[in-house]
Protein backbone atom coordinates (compact mmCIF):
# COMPACT_ATOMS: atom_id res chain seq x y z
CA MET A 1 18.50 22.24 -3.63
CA ILE A 2 19.28 20.85 -0.27
CA ARG A 3 18.62 17.17 -1.47
CA ALA A 4 21.71 17.55 -3.56
CA TYR A 5 23.92 17.69 -0.45
CA LEU A 6 21.97 14.82 1.40
CA PRO A 7 22.87 11.20 1.20
CA PRO A 8 20.63 9.16 -0.98
CA GLU A 9 17.60 7.60 0.89
CA MET A 10 17.34 3.85 1.39
CA ASP A 11 14.85 2.09 -0.59
CA ASP A 12 12.00 0.12 1.17
CA ALA A 13 13.66 -3.24 0.85
CA THR A 14 17.07 -2.12 2.13
CA LEU A 15 15.43 -0.30 5.11
CA ALA A 16 13.45 -3.36 5.99
CA ALA A 17 16.51 -5.62 5.97
CA ALA A 18 18.41 -3.03 8.13
CA VAL A 19 15.50 -2.81 10.67
CA GLN A 20 15.22 -6.63 10.85
CA ALA A 21 18.98 -6.97 11.31
CA ALA A 22 18.92 -4.29 14.06
CA ILE A 23 15.97 -6.10 15.86
CA THR A 24 18.04 -9.43 15.73
CA GLU A 25 21.13 -7.72 16.98
CA SER A 26 19.43 -5.80 19.89
CA GLY A 27 17.44 -8.90 20.88
CA ALA A 28 14.24 -6.68 21.07
CA THR A 29 11.05 -8.56 21.31
CA SER A 30 8.44 -5.98 22.06
CA ILE A 31 7.69 -2.29 21.21
CA LYS A 32 8.98 -1.37 24.75
CA GLU A 33 12.47 -2.12 23.43
CA MET A 34 12.18 0.02 20.43
CA GLY A 35 14.89 2.41 21.72
CA LYS A 36 17.52 -0.43 21.64
CA VAL A 37 16.75 -1.11 18.01
CA MET A 38 16.70 2.56 17.05
CA ALA A 39 20.18 2.91 18.92
CA VAL A 40 21.52 0.21 16.73
CA LEU A 41 20.24 1.81 13.65
CA LYS A 42 21.62 5.12 14.50
CA GLY A 43 24.95 3.88 15.24
CA ARG A 44 25.17 1.79 12.12
CA PHE A 45 23.66 4.27 9.62
CA GLY A 46 23.78 7.81 11.24
CA ALA A 47 22.52 10.51 9.02
CA GLU A 48 21.98 8.43 5.93
CA LEU A 49 18.89 6.82 7.61
CA ASP A 50 15.50 8.55 7.68
CA MET A 51 14.69 7.96 11.43
CA GLY A 52 10.90 8.62 10.76
CA ARG A 53 10.72 5.89 8.20
CA ALA A 54 12.86 3.64 10.39
CA SER A 55 10.74 4.34 13.44
CA ALA A 56 7.58 3.44 11.65
CA SER A 57 9.07 0.10 10.32
CA VAL A 58 10.27 -0.84 13.80
CA LYS A 59 6.88 -0.15 15.31
CA ALA A 60 5.26 -2.27 12.49
CA LEU A 61 7.58 -5.20 13.12
CA LEU A 62 7.66 -5.15 16.98
CA GLY A 63 3.98 -4.04 17.41
C-alpha cells in the first residue's frame, strides 16, 4: 500500500548512469571520497533515489 505513494524506483541502467555522473562531477577517485558522491546524488535526486542501492553501486565503482 505504501509503494503507491512512493516515487518509482530507478532501473539499474539509470542508477548506474547517475552514479557515474556523480562520480565525475564530484571528482572522487577512491572509496574514501564516497561521501562526496553520495552528497551529489542526494542533492540531485533526493527521495526518489534508493540510497542503499546507490551506495552499493558507488562502492563497486570506487572500490
